[in-house]
Amino acid sequence: MIFSFMFMNENILFKDLNTLQTIDQQLQEYIANFFENIFEGIIFIEIGGMILYANSSAANIVGYSKKELVGKSIYDFVAANCKKTVQNNIKKNIKNPTK
């Protein structure tokens, strides 16, 4: 069996599933390191507003540890008069993620 995937517009073929799994793991580690070490604060949330991931920069910006952020609602950190706007922006970005 041959496995194939596209990377930077190049089709890469593998005959060995172990090689593909190793590359997948390395790519996941690379992405995780990228998000963790970028200077901008990044927070991943699910549609209901629960925080799934926060990098160290985001934690520093809001003054909480990453552990304190993950699992909490994003709305716990938003001023009451801004919650509706944040909810609308989340819904809008889910419907049109590239805009």
N, C-alpha and C. Protein backbone atom coordinates (compact mmCIF):
# COMPACT_ATOMS: atom_id res chain seq x y z
N MET A 1 0.84 -1.17 0.00
CA MET A 1 0.00 0.00 0.00
C MET A 1 0.89 1.24 0.00
N ILE A 2 0.49 2.25 -0.77
CA ILE A 2 1.23 3.50 -0.84
C ILE A 2 0.38 4.60 -0.23
N PHE A 3 1.01 5.40 0.63
CA PHE A 3 0.34 6.51 1.28
C PHE A 3 0.84 7.80 0.66
N SER A 4 -0.05 8.77 0.52
CA SER A 4 0.30 10.01 -0.13
C SER A 4 -0.32 11.19 0.62
N PHE A 5 0.41 12.31 0.66
CA PHE A 5 -0.17 13.55 1.15
C PHE A 5 0.53 14.73 0.49
N MET A 6 -0.14 15.87 0.51
CA MET A 6 0.41 17.07 -0.08
C MET A 6 1.08 17.92 1.00
N PHE A 7 2.26 18.44 0.69
CA PHE A 7 2.95 19.35 1.59
C PHE A 7 3.61 20.41 0.74
N MET A 8 3.21 21.66 0.96
CA MET A 8 3.75 22.79 0.20
C MET A 8 3.69 22.53 -1.30
N ASN A 9 2.52 22.09 -1.75
CA ASN A 9 2.24 21.82 -3.16
C ASN A 9 3.07 20.68 -3.75
N GLU A 10 3.63 19.86 -2.92
CA GLU A 10 4.37 18.69 -3.38
C GLU A 10 3.65 17.44 -2.92
N ASN A 11 3.45 16.51 -3.82
CA ASN A 11 2.85 15.24 -3.46
C ASN A 11 3.95 14.32 -2.93
N ILE A 12 3.81 13.86 -1.71
CA ILE A 12 4.82 13.02 -1.08
C ILE A 12 4.24 11.63 -0.90
N LEU A 13 4.95 10.63 -1.37
CA LEU A 13 4.50 9.25 -1.32
C LEU A 13 5.32 8.45 -0.31
N PHE A 14 4.65 7.54 0.40
CA PHE A 14 5.30 6.67 1.36
C PHE A 14 4.82 5.25 1.13
N LYS A 15 5.75 4.32 1.18
CA LYS A 15 5.38 2.91 1.10
C LYS A 15 5.24 2.31 2.49
N ASP A 16 5.73 3.03 3.48
CA ASP A 16 5.78 2.51 4.84
C ASP A 16 4.90 3.36 5.75
N LEU A 17 3.90 2.75 6.36
CA LEU A 17 2.98 3.46 7.26
C LEU A 17 3.73 4.02 8.47
N ASN A 18 4.75 3.33 8.97
CA ASN A 18 5.52 3.81 10.12
C ASN A 18 6.20 5.14 9.80
N THR A 19 6.72 5.27 8.60
CA THR A 19 7.35 6.53 8.19
C THR A 19 6.33 7.65 8.19
N LEU A 20 5.15 7.39 7.66
CA LEU A 20 4.09 8.38 7.63
C LEU A 20 3.67 8.77 9.05
N GLN A 21 3.55 7.80 9.94
CA GLN A 21 3.17 8.09 11.32
C GLN A 21 4.25 8.90 12.02
N THR A 22 5.51 8.61 11.76
CA THR A 22 6.61 9.37 12.35
C THR A 22 6.57 10.81 11.89
N ILE A 23 6.34 11.03 10.60
CA ILE A 23 6.26 12.39 10.07
C ILE A 23 5.06 13.11 10.65
N ASP A 24 3.94 12.42 10.78
CA ASP A 24 2.75 13.01 11.39
C ASP A 24 3.05 13.47 12.81
N GLN A 25 3.73 12.65 13.58
CA GLN A 25 4.07 13.01 14.96
C GLN A 25 5.01 14.21 14.98
N GLN A 26 6.01 14.21 14.09
CA GLN A 26 6.94 15.33 14.04
C GLN A 26 6.24 16.62 13.64
N LEU A 27 5.30 16.52 12.70
CA LEU A 27 4.56 17.69 12.27
C LEU A 27 3.69 18.23 13.42
N GLN A 28 3.06 17.35 14.17
CA GLN A 28 2.26 17.77 15.32
C GLN A 28 3.14 18.47 16.36
N GLU A 29 4.33 17.93 16.60
CA GLU A 29 5.25 18.56 17.56
C GLU A 29 5.70 19.93 17.07
N TYR A 30 5.97 20.02 15.77
CA TYR A 30 6.39 21.30 15.18
C TYR A 30 5.29 22.35 15.36
N ILE A 31 4.05 21.97 15.05
CA ILE A 31 2.93 22.90 15.17
C ILE A 31 2.74 23.31 16.62
N ALA A 32 2.81 22.35 17.53
CA ALA A 32 2.65 22.66 18.96
C ALA A 32 3.75 23.63 19.42
N ASN A 33 4.99 23.39 19.01
CA ASN A 33 6.09 24.29 19.38
C ASN A 33 5.92 25.67 18.76
N PHE A 34 5.44 25.71 17.52
CA PHE A 34 5.21 27.00 16.87
C PHE A 34 4.21 27.83 17.67
N PHE A 35 3.06 27.24 18.00
CA PHE A 35 2.04 27.99 18.74
C PHE A 35 2.52 28.37 20.14
N GLU A 36 3.28 27.52 20.76
CA GLU A 36 3.74 27.80 22.12
C GLU A 36 4.78 28.92 22.14
N ASN A 37 5.60 29.01 21.12
CA ASN A 37 6.73 29.94 21.14
C ASN A 37 6.51 31.23 20.37
N ILE A 38 5.35 31.38 19.76
CA ILE A 38 5.05 32.62 19.04
C ILE A 38 4.78 33.73 20.06
N PHE A 39 5.11 34.95 19.72
CA PHE A 39 4.96 36.07 20.66
C PHE A 39 3.50 36.49 20.84
N GLU A 40 2.67 36.27 19.84
CA GLU A 40 1.28 36.66 19.93
C GLU A 40 0.52 35.70 20.85
N GLY A 41 -0.45 36.22 21.55
CA GLY A 41 -1.29 35.37 22.38
C GLY A 41 -2.28 34.61 21.50
N ILE A 42 -2.33 33.31 21.68
CA ILE A 42 -3.24 32.47 20.90
C ILE A 42 -4.08 31.64 21.86
N ILE A 43 -5.39 31.70 21.65
CA ILE A 43 -6.33 30.91 22.45
C ILE A 43 -7.25 30.18 21.47
N PHE A 44 -7.37 28.87 21.61
CA PHE A 44 -8.31 28.08 20.82
C PHE A 44 -9.53 27.84 21.69
N ILE A 45 -10.70 28.12 21.13
CA ILE A 45 -11.94 27.89 21.86
C ILE A 45 -12.88 27.04 21.01
N GLU A 46 -13.79 26.36 21.68
CA GLU A 46 -14.81 25.62 20.95
C GLU A 46 -16.02 26.52 20.78
N ILE A 47 -17.00 26.10 20.01
CA ILE A 47 -18.13 26.95 19.64
C ILE A 47 -18.87 27.53 20.84
N GLY A 48 -18.93 26.81 21.94
CA GLY A 48 -19.62 27.30 23.13
C GLY A 48 -18.79 28.26 23.96
N GLY A 49 -17.53 28.43 23.60
CA GLY A 49 -16.67 29.38 24.30
C GLY A 49 -15.68 28.76 25.27
N MET A 50 -15.68 27.43 25.42
CA MET A 50 -14.72 26.80 26.33
C MET A 50 -13.31 26.86 25.73
N ILE A 51 -12.35 27.26 26.54
CA ILE A 51 -10.97 27.37 26.10
C ILE A 51 -10.35 25.99 26.04
N LEU A 52 -9.86 25.64 24.85
CA LEU A 52 -9.23 24.33 24.62
C LEU A 52 -7.72 24.41 24.74
N TYR A 53 -7.16 25.56 24.40
CA TYR A 53 -5.70 25.73 24.41
C TYR A 53 -5.39 27.22 24.56
N ALA A 54 -4.37 27.53 25.31
CA ALA A 54 -3.83 28.89 25.39
C ALA A 54 -2.31 28.79 25.43
N ASN A 55 -1.64 29.59 24.61
CA ASN A 55 -0.18 29.55 24.67
C ASN A 55 0.31 30.45 25.81
N SER A 56 1.59 30.40 26.07
CA SER A 56 2.17 31.15 27.20
C SER A 56 1.99 32.64 27.03
N SER A 57 2.10 33.14 25.80
CA SER A 57 1.91 34.57 25.57
C SER A 57 0.50 35.01 25.94
N ALA A 58 -0.50 34.22 25.57
CA ALA A 58 -1.89 34.55 25.92
C ALA A 58 -2.06 34.57 27.44
N ALA A 59 -1.48 33.58 28.10
CA ALA A 59 -1.58 33.53 29.56
C ALA A 59 -0.94 34.76 30.19
N ASN A 60 0.21 35.17 29.68
CA ASN A 60 0.88 36.36 30.21
C ASN A 60 0.06 37.62 29.97
N ILE A 61 -0.58 37.70 28.82
CA ILE A 61 -1.38 38.88 28.48
C ILE A 61 -2.55 39.04 29.45
N VAL A 62 -3.24 37.94 29.75
CA VAL A 62 -4.42 38.04 30.61
C VAL A 62 -4.10 37.87 32.09
N GLY A 63 -2.86 37.50 32.40
CA GLY A 63 -2.45 37.42 33.80
C GLY A 63 -2.85 36.15 34.52
N TYR A 64 -3.10 35.09 33.77
CA TYR A 64 -3.43 33.78 34.36
C TYR A 64 -2.44 32.76 33.82
N SER A 65 -2.35 31.63 34.48
CA SER A 65 -1.53 30.55 33.94
C SER A 65 -2.32 29.82 32.86
N LYS A 66 -1.61 29.09 32.02
CA LYS A 66 -2.29 28.29 30.99
C LYS A 66 -3.25 27.30 31.63
N LYS A 67 -2.84 26.73 32.74
CA LYS A 67 -3.68 25.76 33.45
C LYS A 67 -4.97 26.40 33.95
N GLU A 68 -4.88 27.67 34.37
CA GLU A 68 -6.08 28.38 34.84
C GLU A 68 -7.03 28.71 33.69
N LEU A 69 -6.51 28.87 32.49
CA LEU A 69 -7.34 29.24 31.34
C LEU A 69 -8.05 28.05 30.71
N VAL A 70 -7.30 26.97 30.48
CA VAL A 70 -7.85 25.82 29.76
C VAL A 70 -8.98 25.19 30.56
N GLY A 71 -10.10 24.98 29.87
CA GLY A 71 -11.27 24.39 30.51
C GLY A 71 -12.27 25.41 31.01
N LYS A 72 -11.85 26.66 31.06
CA LYS A 72 -12.75 27.73 31.48
C LYS A 72 -13.47 28.30 30.26
N SER A 73 -14.51 29.06 30.51
CA SER A 73 -15.22 29.74 29.44
C SER A 73 -14.52 31.04 29.10
N ILE A 74 -14.41 31.33 27.81
CA ILE A 74 -13.82 32.59 27.39
C ILE A 74 -14.60 33.77 27.96
N TYR A 75 -15.90 33.53 28.21
CA TYR A 75 -16.76 34.59 28.72
C TYR A 75 -16.45 34.95 30.18
N ASP A 76 -15.71 34.08 30.87
CA ASP A 76 -15.28 34.41 32.23
C ASP A 76 -14.25 35.54 32.22
N PHE A 77 -13.66 35.80 31.05
CA PHE A 77 -12.59 36.79 30.94
C PHE A 77 -13.01 38.00 30.10
N VAL A 78 -14.30 38.08 29.80
CA VAL A 78 -14.83 39.16 28.96
C VAL A 78 -15.75 40.02 29.82
N ALA A 79 -15.63 41.34 29.70
CA ALA A 79 -16.51 42.25 30.43
C ALA A 79 -17.96 41.99 30.05
N ALA A 80 -18.85 42.12 31.02
CA ALA A 80 -20.27 41.80 30.82
C ALA A 80 -20.86 42.54 29.63
N ASN A 81 -20.50 43.80 29.45
CA ASN A 81 -21.07 44.57 28.35
C ASN A 81 -20.50 44.19 26.98
N CYS A 82 -19.50 43.32 26.94
CA CYS A 82 -18.88 42.89 25.68
C CYS A 82 -19.23 41.45 25.30
N LYS A 83 -19.89 40.71 26.19
CA LYS A 83 -20.14 39.28 25.95
C LYS A 83 -20.93 39.03 24.68
N LYS A 84 -21.96 39.81 24.43
CA LYS A 84 -22.79 39.60 23.24
C LYS A 84 -21.98 39.82 21.97
N THR A 85 -21.12 40.83 21.97
CA THR A 85 -20.27 41.10 20.81
C THR A 85 -19.32 39.94 20.57
N VAL A 86 -18.72 39.41 21.63
CA VAL A 86 -17.80 38.27 21.50
C VAL A 86 -18.55 37.05 20.98
N GLN A 87 -19.74 36.78 21.51
CA GLN A 87 -20.55 35.66 21.03
C GLN A 87 -20.84 35.80 19.53
N ASN A 88 -21.23 36.98 19.12
CA ASN A 88 -21.52 37.22 17.70
C ASN A 88 -20.29 37.05 16.82
N ASN A 89 -19.14 37.51 17.30
CA ASN A 89 -17.90 37.35 16.54
C ASN A 89 -17.49 35.88 16.41
N ILE A 90 -17.67 35.12 17.47
CA ILE A 90 -17.36 33.68 17.41
C ILE A 90 -18.25 33.01 16.38
N LYS A 91 -19.56 33.28 16.44
CA LYS A 91 -20.49 32.68 15.48
C LYS A 91 -20.15 33.09 14.05
N LYS A 92 -19.80 34.36 13.86
CA LYS A 92 -19.46 34.85 12.52
C LYS A 92 -18.21 34.16 11.99
N ASN A 93 -17.20 33.99 12.85
CA ASN A 93 -15.95 33.36 12.42
C ASN A 93 -16.12 31.86 12.15
N ILE A 94 -17.05 31.23 12.83
CA ILE A 94 -17.31 29.81 12.58
C ILE A 94 -17.99 29.66 11.21
N LYS A 95 -18.91 30.56 10.89
CA LYS A 95 -19.60 30.49 9.60
C LYS A 95 -18.68 30.84 8.45
N ASN A 96 -17.79 31.81 8.65
CA ASN A 96 -16.87 32.27 7.61
C ASN A 96 -15.45 32.34 8.17
N PRO A 97 -14.78 31.20 8.35
CA PRO A 97 -13.48 31.19 9.03
C PRO A 97 -12.36 31.91 8.30
N THR A 98 -12.49 32.17 7.02
CA THR A 98 -11.38 32.81 6.30
C THR A 98 -11.51 34.32 6.23
N LYS A 99 -12.60 34.88 6.73
CA LYS A 99 -12.79 36.34 6.67
C LYS A 99 -12.35 36.99 7.94
